[in-house]
PDB file of N, CA and C in Angstrom:
ATOM      1  N   UNK A   1      78.291  99.188 115.788  1.00  0.00           N
ATOM      2  CA  UNK A   1      79.628  99.703 115.940  1.00  0.00           C
ATOM      3  C   UNK A   1      79.854 100.041 117.406  1.00  0.00           C
ATOM      4  N   UNK A   2      80.951  99.546 117.951  1.00  0.00           N
ATOM      5  CA  UNK A   2      81.255  99.798 119.352  1.00  0.00           C
ATOM      6  C   UNK A   2      81.976 101.127 119.552  1.00  0.00           C
ATOM      7  N   UNK A   3      82.738 101.550 118.539  1.00  0.00           N
ATOM      8  CA  UNK A   3      83.535 102.753 118.710  1.00  0.00           C
ATOM      9  C   UNK A   3      83.808 103.400 117.362  1.00  0.00           C
ATOM     10  N   UNK A   4      84.009 104.679 117.354  1.00  0.00           N
ATOM     11  CA  UNK A   4      84.375 105.423 116.151  1.00  0.00           C
ATOM     12  C   UNK A   4      85.735 104.965 115.623  1.00  0.00           C
ATOM     13  N   UNK A   5      86.532 104.335 116.466  1.00  0.00           N
ATOM     14  CA  UNK A   5      87.851 103.847 116.062  1.00  0.00           C
ATOM     15  C   UNK A   5      87.776 102.744 115.013  1.00  0.00           C
ATOM     16  N   UNK A   6      86.619 102.154 114.832  1.00  0.00           N
ATOM     17  CA  UNK A   6      86.443 101.144 113.793  1.00  0.00           C
ATOM     18  C   UNK A   6      86.452 101.786 112.410  1.00  0.00           C
ATOM     19  N   UNK A   7      86.139 103.052 112.327  1.00  0.00           N
ATOM     20  CA  UNK A   7      86.087 103.760 111.049  1.00  0.00           C
ATOM     21  C   UNK A   7      87.416 104.437 110.738  1.00  0.00           C
ATOM     22  N   UNK A   8      87.971 105.122 111.706  1.00  0.00           N
ATOM     23  CA  UNK A   8      89.178 105.923 111.486  1.00  0.00           C
ATOM     24  C   UNK A   8      90.430 105.212 111.969  1.00  0.00           C
ATOM     25  N   UNK A   9      91.505 105.424 111.236  1.00  0.00           N
ATOM     26  CA  UNK A   9      92.808 104.913 111.648  1.00  0.00           C
ATOM     27  C   UNK A   9      93.717 106.103 111.868  1.00  0.00           C
ATOM     28  N   UNK A  10      94.623 105.968 112.791  1.00  0.00           N
ATOM     29  CA  UNK A  10      95.549 107.042 113.098  1.00  0.00           C
ATOM     30  C   UNK A  10      96.916 106.659 112.563  1.00  0.00           C
ATOM     31  N   UNK A  11      97.524 107.580 111.831  1.00  0.00           N
ATOM     32  CA  UNK A  11      98.843 107.338 111.258  1.00  0.00           C
ATOM     33  C   UNK A  11      99.891 108.201 111.915  1.00  0.00           C
ATOM     34  N   UNK A  12     101.046 108.266 111.280  1.00  0.00           N
ATOM     35  CA  UNK A  12     102.141 109.096 111.792  1.00  0.00           C
ATOM     36  C   UNK A  12     101.853 110.575 111.563  1.00  0.00           C
ATOM     37  N   UNK A  13     102.486 111.387 112.349  1.00  0.00           N
ATOM     38  CA  UNK A  13     102.473 112.828 112.096  1.00  0.00           C
ATOM     39  C   UNK A  13     101.220 113.528 112.554  1.00  0.00           C
ATOM     40  N   UNK A  14     101.205 114.834 112.315  1.00  0.00           N
ATOM     41  CA  UNK A  14     100.075 115.658 112.744  1.00  0.00           C
ATOM     42  C   UNK A  14      98.854 115.507 111.838  1.00  0.00           C
ATOM     43  N   UNK A  15      99.018 114.878 110.668  1.00  0.00           N
ATOM     44  CA  UNK A  15      97.900 114.714 109.747  1.00  0.00           C
ATOM     45  C   UNK A  15      97.908 113.305 109.178  1.00  0.00           C
ATOM     46  N   UNK A  16      97.026 112.463 109.665  1.00  0.00           N
ATOM     47  CA  UNK A  16      96.974 111.081 109.220  1.00  0.00           C
ATOM     48  C   UNK A  16      96.672 110.966 107.728  1.00  0.00           C
ATOM     49  N   UNK A  17      95.924 111.927 107.180  1.00  0.00           N
ATOM     50  CA  UNK A  17      95.598 111.864 105.757  1.00  0.00           C
ATOM     51  C   UNK A  17      96.850 111.991 104.895  1.00  0.00           C
ATOM     52  N   UNK A  18      97.881 112.623 105.430  1.00  0.00           N
ATOM     53  CA  UNK A  18      99.123 112.785 104.675  1.00  0.00           C
ATOM     54  C   UNK A  18     100.075 111.609 104.864  1.00  0.00           C
ATOM     55  N   UNK A  19      99.694 110.648 105.682  1.00  0.00           N
ATOM     56  CA  UNK A  19     100.555 109.481 105.875  1.00  0.00           C
ATOM     57  C   UNK A  19      99.854 108.171 105.519  1.00  0.00           C
ATOM     58  N   UNK A  20      98.587 108.031 105.832  1.00  0.00           N
ATOM     59  CA  UNK A  20      97.897 106.766 105.606  1.00  0.00           C
ATOM     60  C   UNK A  20      97.749 106.446 104.120  1.00  0.00           C
ATOM     61  N   UNK A  21      97.309 107.410 103.316  1.00  0.00           N
ATOM     62  CA  UNK A  21      97.120 107.164 101.886  1.00  0.00           C
ATOM     63  C   UNK A  21      98.442 106.883 101.172  1.00  0.00           C
ATOM     64  N   UNK A  22      99.496 107.682 101.388  1.00  0.00           N
ATOM     65  CA  UNK A  22     100.762 107.367 100.735  1.00  0.00           C
ATOM     66  C   UNK A  22     101.324 106.013 101.163  1.00  0.00           C
ATOM     67  N   UNK A  23     101.154 105.669 102.419  1.00  0.00           N
ATOM     68  CA  UNK A  23     101.649 104.369 102.884  1.00  0.00           C
ATOM     69  C   UNK A  23     100.854 103.232 102.241  1.00  0.00           C
ATOM     70  N   UNK A  24      99.559 103.388 102.144  1.00  0.00           N
ATOM     71  CA  UNK A  24      98.721 102.385 101.503  1.00  0.00           C
ATOM     72  C   UNK A  24      99.080 102.239 100.023  1.00  0.00           C
ATOM     73  N   UNK A  25      99.256 103.357  99.334  1.00  0.00           N
ATOM     74  CA  UNK A  25      99.646 103.316  97.918  1.00  0.00           C
ATOM     75  C   UNK A  25     101.000 102.638  97.757  1.00  0.00           C
ATOM     76  N   UNK A  26     101.924 102.903  98.661  1.00  0.00           N
ATOM     77  CA  UNK A  26     103.245 102.269  98.617  1.00  0.00           C
ATOM     78  C   UNK A  26     103.135 100.765  98.774  1.00  0.00           C
ATOM     79  N   UNK A  27     102.294 100.321  99.679  1.00  0.00           N
ATOM     80  CA  UNK A  27     102.101  98.889  99.900  1.00  0.00           C
ATOM     81  C   UNK A  27     101.541  98.209  98.663  1.00  0.00           C
ATOM     82  N   UNK A  28     100.577  98.853  98.027  1.00  0.00           N
ATOM     83  CA  UNK A  28      99.993  98.306  96.800  1.00  0.00           C
ATOM     84  C   UNK A  28     101.060  98.205  95.713  1.00  0.00           C
ATOM     85  N   UNK A  29     101.840  99.263  95.544  1.00  0.00           N
ATOM     86  CA  UNK A  29     102.879  99.285  94.518  1.00  0.00           C
ATOM     87  C   UNK A  29     103.928  98.205  94.771  1.00  0.00           C
ATOM     88  N   UNK A  30     104.345  98.056  96.026  1.00  0.00           N
ATOM     89  CA  UNK A  30     105.348  97.037  96.358  1.00  0.00           C
ATOM     90  C   UNK A  30     104.830  95.620  96.093  1.00  0.00           C
ATOM     91  N   UNK A  31     103.548  95.396  96.328  1.00  0.00           N
ATOM     92  CA  UNK A  31     102.973  94.074  96.032  1.00  0.00           C
ATOM     93  C   UNK A  31     102.904  93.822  94.530  1.00  0.00           C
ATOM     94  N   UNK A  32     102.581  94.856  93.754  1.00  0.00           N
ATOM     95  CA  UNK A  32     102.451  94.692  92.302  1.00  0.00           C
ATOM     96  C   UNK A  32     103.802  94.548  91.601  1.00  0.00           C
ATOM     97  N   UNK A  33     104.813  95.221  92.116  1.00  0.00           N
ATOM     98  CA  UNK A  33     106.126  95.230  91.469  1.00  0.00           C
ATOM     99  C   UNK A  33     107.227  94.874  92.470  1.00  0.00           C
ATOM    100  N   UNK A  34     107.197  93.664  93.001  1.00  0.00           N
ATOM    101  CA  UNK A  34     108.145  93.298  94.056  1.00  0.00           C
ATOM    102  C   UNK A  34     109.602  93.232  93.593  1.00  0.00           C
ATOM    103  N   UNK A  35     109.837  93.019  92.317  1.00  0.00           N
ATOM    104  CA  UNK A  35     111.209  92.856  91.849  1.00  0.00           C
ATOM    105  C   UNK A  35     111.803  94.097  91.221  1.00  0.00           C
ATOM    106  N   UNK A  36     111.136  95.229  91.348  1.00  0.00           N
ATOM    107  CA  UNK A  36     111.655  96.457  90.732  1.00  0.00           C
ATOM    108  C   UNK A  36     113.011  96.801  91.324  1.00  0.00           C
ATOM    109  N   UNK A  37     113.926  97.243  90.479  1.00  0.00           N
ATOM    110  CA  UNK A  37     115.267  97.587  90.942  1.00  0.00           C
ATOM    111  C   UNK A  37     115.317  98.902  91.682  1.00  0.00           C
ATOM    112  N   UNK A  38     114.348  99.756  91.418  1.00  0.00           N
ATOM    113  CA  UNK A  38     114.327 101.079  92.041  1.00  0.00           C
ATOM    114  C   UNK A  38     112.902 101.615  92.031  1.00  0.00           C
ATOM    115  N   UNK A  39     112.577 102.430  93.021  1.00  0.00           N
ATOM    116  CA  UNK A  39     111.260 103.050  93.113  1.00  0.00           C
ATOM    117  C   UNK A  39     111.429 104.556  93.176  1.00  0.00           C
ATOM    118  N   UNK A  40     110.552 105.282  92.483  1.00  0.00           N
ATOM    119  CA  UNK A  40     110.583 106.745  92.529  1.00  0.00           C
ATOM    120  C   UNK A  40     109.201 107.226  92.950  1.00  0.00           C
ATOM    121  N   UNK A  41     109.170 108.069  93.965  1.00  0.00           N
ATOM    122  CA  UNK A  41     107.910 108.586  94.497  1.00  0.00           C
ATOM    123  C   UNK A  41     107.808 110.066  94.158  1.00  0.00           C
ATOM    124  N   UNK A  42     106.700 110.469  93.560  1.00  0.00           N
ATOM    125  CA  UNK A  42     106.439 111.869  93.254  1.00  0.00           C
ATOM    126  C   UNK A  42     105.125 112.256  93.917  1.00  0.00           C
ATOM    127  N   UNK A  43     105.171 113.265  94.743  1.00  0.00           N
ATOM    128  CA  UNK A  43     103.972 113.731  95.440  1.00  0.00           C
ATOM    129  C   UNK A  43     103.365 114.912  94.687  1.00  0.00           C
ATOM    130  N   UNK A  44     102.036 115.006  94.713  1.00  0.00           N
ATOM    131  CA  UNK A  44     101.316 116.083  94.037  1.00  0.00           C
ATOM    132  C   UNK A  44     100.359 116.754  95.018  1.00  0.00           C
ATOM    133  N   UNK A  45      99.900 117.920  94.650  1.00  0.00           N
ATOM    134  CA  UNK A  45      98.883 118.625  95.430  1.00  0.00           C
ATOM    135  C   UNK A  45      99.323 118.929  96.849  1.00  0.00           C
ATOM    136  N   UNK A  46      98.403 118.722  97.782  1.00  0.00           N
ATOM    137  CA  UNK A  46      98.689 119.066  99.175  1.00  0.00           C
ATOM    138  C   UNK A  46      99.788 118.183  99.760  1.00  0.00           C
ATOM    139  N   UNK A  47      99.946 116.961  99.257  1.00  0.00           N
ATOM    140  CA  UNK A  47     101.026 116.109  99.749  1.00  0.00           C
ATOM    141  C   UNK A  47     102.380 116.722  99.399  1.00  0.00           C
ATOM    142  N   UNK A  48     102.496 117.286  98.202  1.00  0.00           N
ATOM    143  CA  UNK A  48     103.750 117.920  97.797  1.00  0.00           C
ATOM    144  C   UNK A  48     103.974 119.230  98.548  1.00  0.00           C
ATOM    145  N   UNK A  49     102.907 119.948  98.798  1.00  0.00           N
ATOM    146  CA  UNK A  49     103.024 121.264  99.434  1.00  0.00           C
ATOM    147  C   UNK A  49     103.326 121.174 100.926  1.00  0.00           C
ATOM    148  N   UNK A  50     102.772 120.180 101.595  1.00  0.00           N
ATOM    149  CA  UNK A  50     102.900 120.123 103.055  1.00  0.00           C
ATOM    150  C   UNK A  50     103.438 118.794 103.559  1.00  0.00           C
ATOM    151  N   UNK A  51     103.887 117.941 102.650  1.00  0.00           N
ATOM    152  CA  UNK A  51     104.318 116.596 103.027  1.00  0.00           C
ATOM    153  C   UNK A  51     105.406 116.542 104.076  1.00  0.00           C
ATOM    154  N   UNK A  52     106.420 117.404 103.958  1.00  0.00           N
ATOM    155  CA  UNK A  52     107.506 117.384 104.946  1.00  0.00           C
ATOM    156  C   UNK A  52     107.003 117.729 106.340  1.00  0.00           C
ATOM    157  N   UNK A  53     106.147 118.700 106.433  1.00  0.00           N
ATOM    158  CA  UNK A  53     105.624 119.105 107.736  1.00  0.00           C
ATOM    159  C   UNK A  53     104.682 118.085 108.347  1.00  0.00           C
ATOM    160  N   UNK A  54     104.091 117.255 107.503  1.00  0.00           N
ATOM    161  CA  UNK A  54     103.136 116.262 107.988  1.00  0.00           C
ATOM    162  C   UNK A  54     103.730 114.862 108.036  1.00  0.00           C
ATOM    163  N   UNK A  55     105.036 114.770 107.823  1.00  0.00           N
ATOM    164  CA  UNK A  55     105.803 113.516 107.914  1.00  0.00           C
ATOM    165  C   UNK A  55     105.486 112.502 106.818  1.00  0.00           C
ATOM    166  N   UNK A  56     105.026 112.990 105.662  1.00  0.00           N
ATOM    167  CA  UNK A  56     104.787 112.090 104.538  1.00  0.00           C
ATOM    168  C   UNK A  56     106.079 111.429 104.104  1.00  0.00           C
ATOM    169  N   UNK A  57     107.173 112.190 104.100  1.00  0.00           N
ATOM    170  CA  UNK A  57     108.475 111.640 103.704  1.00  0.00           C
ATOM    171  C   UNK A  57     108.923 110.521 104.642  1.00  0.00           C
ATOM    172  N   UNK A  58     108.649 110.681 105.916  1.00  0.00           N
ATOM    173  CA  UNK A  58     109.044 109.671 106.908  1.00  0.00           C
ATOM    174  C   UNK A  58     108.266 108.375 106.683  1.00  0.00           C
ATOM    175  N   UNK A  59     106.961 108.486 106.485  1.00  0.00           N
ATOM    176  CA  UNK A  59     106.157 107.273 106.313  1.00  0.00           C
ATOM    177  C   UNK A  59     106.511 106.563 105.005  1.00  0.00           C
ATOM    178  N   UNK A  60     106.879 107.327 103.973  1.00  0.00           N
ATOM    179  CA  UNK A  60     107.284 106.697 102.716  1.00  0.00           C
ATOM    180  C   UNK A  60     108.622 105.979 102.874  1.00  0.00           C
ATOM    181  N   UNK A  61     109.555 106.591 103.583  1.00  0.00           N
ATOM    182  CA  UNK A  61     110.840 105.916 103.832  1.00  0.00           C
ATOM    183  C   UNK A  61     110.615 104.612 104.597  1.00  0.00           C
ATOM    184  N   UNK A  62     109.729 104.644 105.566  1.00  0.00           N
ATOM    185  CA  UNK A  62     109.418 103.435 106.334  1.00  0.00           C
ATOM    186  C   UNK A  62     108.755 102.379 105.451  1.00  0.00           C
ATOM    187  N   UNK A  63     107.848 102.802 104.573  1.00  0.00           N
ATOM    188  CA  UNK A  63     107.150 101.861 103.698  1.00  0.00           C
ATOM    189  C   UNK A  63     108.117 101.165 102.749  1.00  0.00           C
ATOM    190  N   UNK A  64     109.132 101.892 102.285  1.00  0.00           N
ATOM    191  CA  UNK A  64     110.112 101.337 101.349  1.00  0.00           C
ATOM    192  C   UNK A  64     111.374 100.861 102.058  1.00  0.00           C
ATOM    193  N   UNK A  65     111.310 100.686 103.344  1.00  0.00           N
ATOM    194  CA  UNK A  65     112.473 100.236 104.111  1.00  0.00           C
ATOM    195  C   UNK A  65     113.021  98.935 103.526  1.00  0.00           C
ATOM    196  N   UNK A  66     114.316  98.916 103.244  1.00  0.00           N
ATOM    197  CA  UNK A  66     114.925  97.737 102.674  1.00  0.00           C
ATOM    198  C   UNK A  66     114.848  97.699 101.156  1.00  0.00           C
ATOM    199  N   UNK A  67     114.108  98.630 100.570  1.00  0.00           N
ATOM    200  CA  UNK A  67     114.010  98.729  99.124  1.00  0.00           C
ATOM    201  C   UNK A  67     114.954  99.825  98.647  1.00  0.00           C
ATOM    202  N   UNK A  68     114.853 100.228  97.407  1.00  0.00           N
ATOM    203  CA  UNK A  68     115.726 101.257  96.860  1.00  0.00           C
ATOM    204  C   UNK A  68     114.898 102.402  96.283  1.00  0.00           C
ATOM    205  N   UNK A  69     114.306 103.230  97.149  1.00  0.00           N
ATOM    206  CA  UNK A  69     113.487 104.337  96.630  1.00  0.00           C
ATOM    207  C   UNK A  69     114.339 105.450  96.026  1.00  0.00           C
TER     208      UNK A  69
END
């Protein structure tokens, strides 16, 4: 390994854990259900408690850009 950057990825906001996982889950969902007429996202646990402050809402809006969340 040349750098620790091969292991970690940096996402949006002050907490990458609150943006990388939701964005990844959104990508998986969009691939599985590309023709869905509407998408509804419900956050639980720490994502629900601190998501706005950690920009989880922003990364989800970006992930569903052009869709109908």
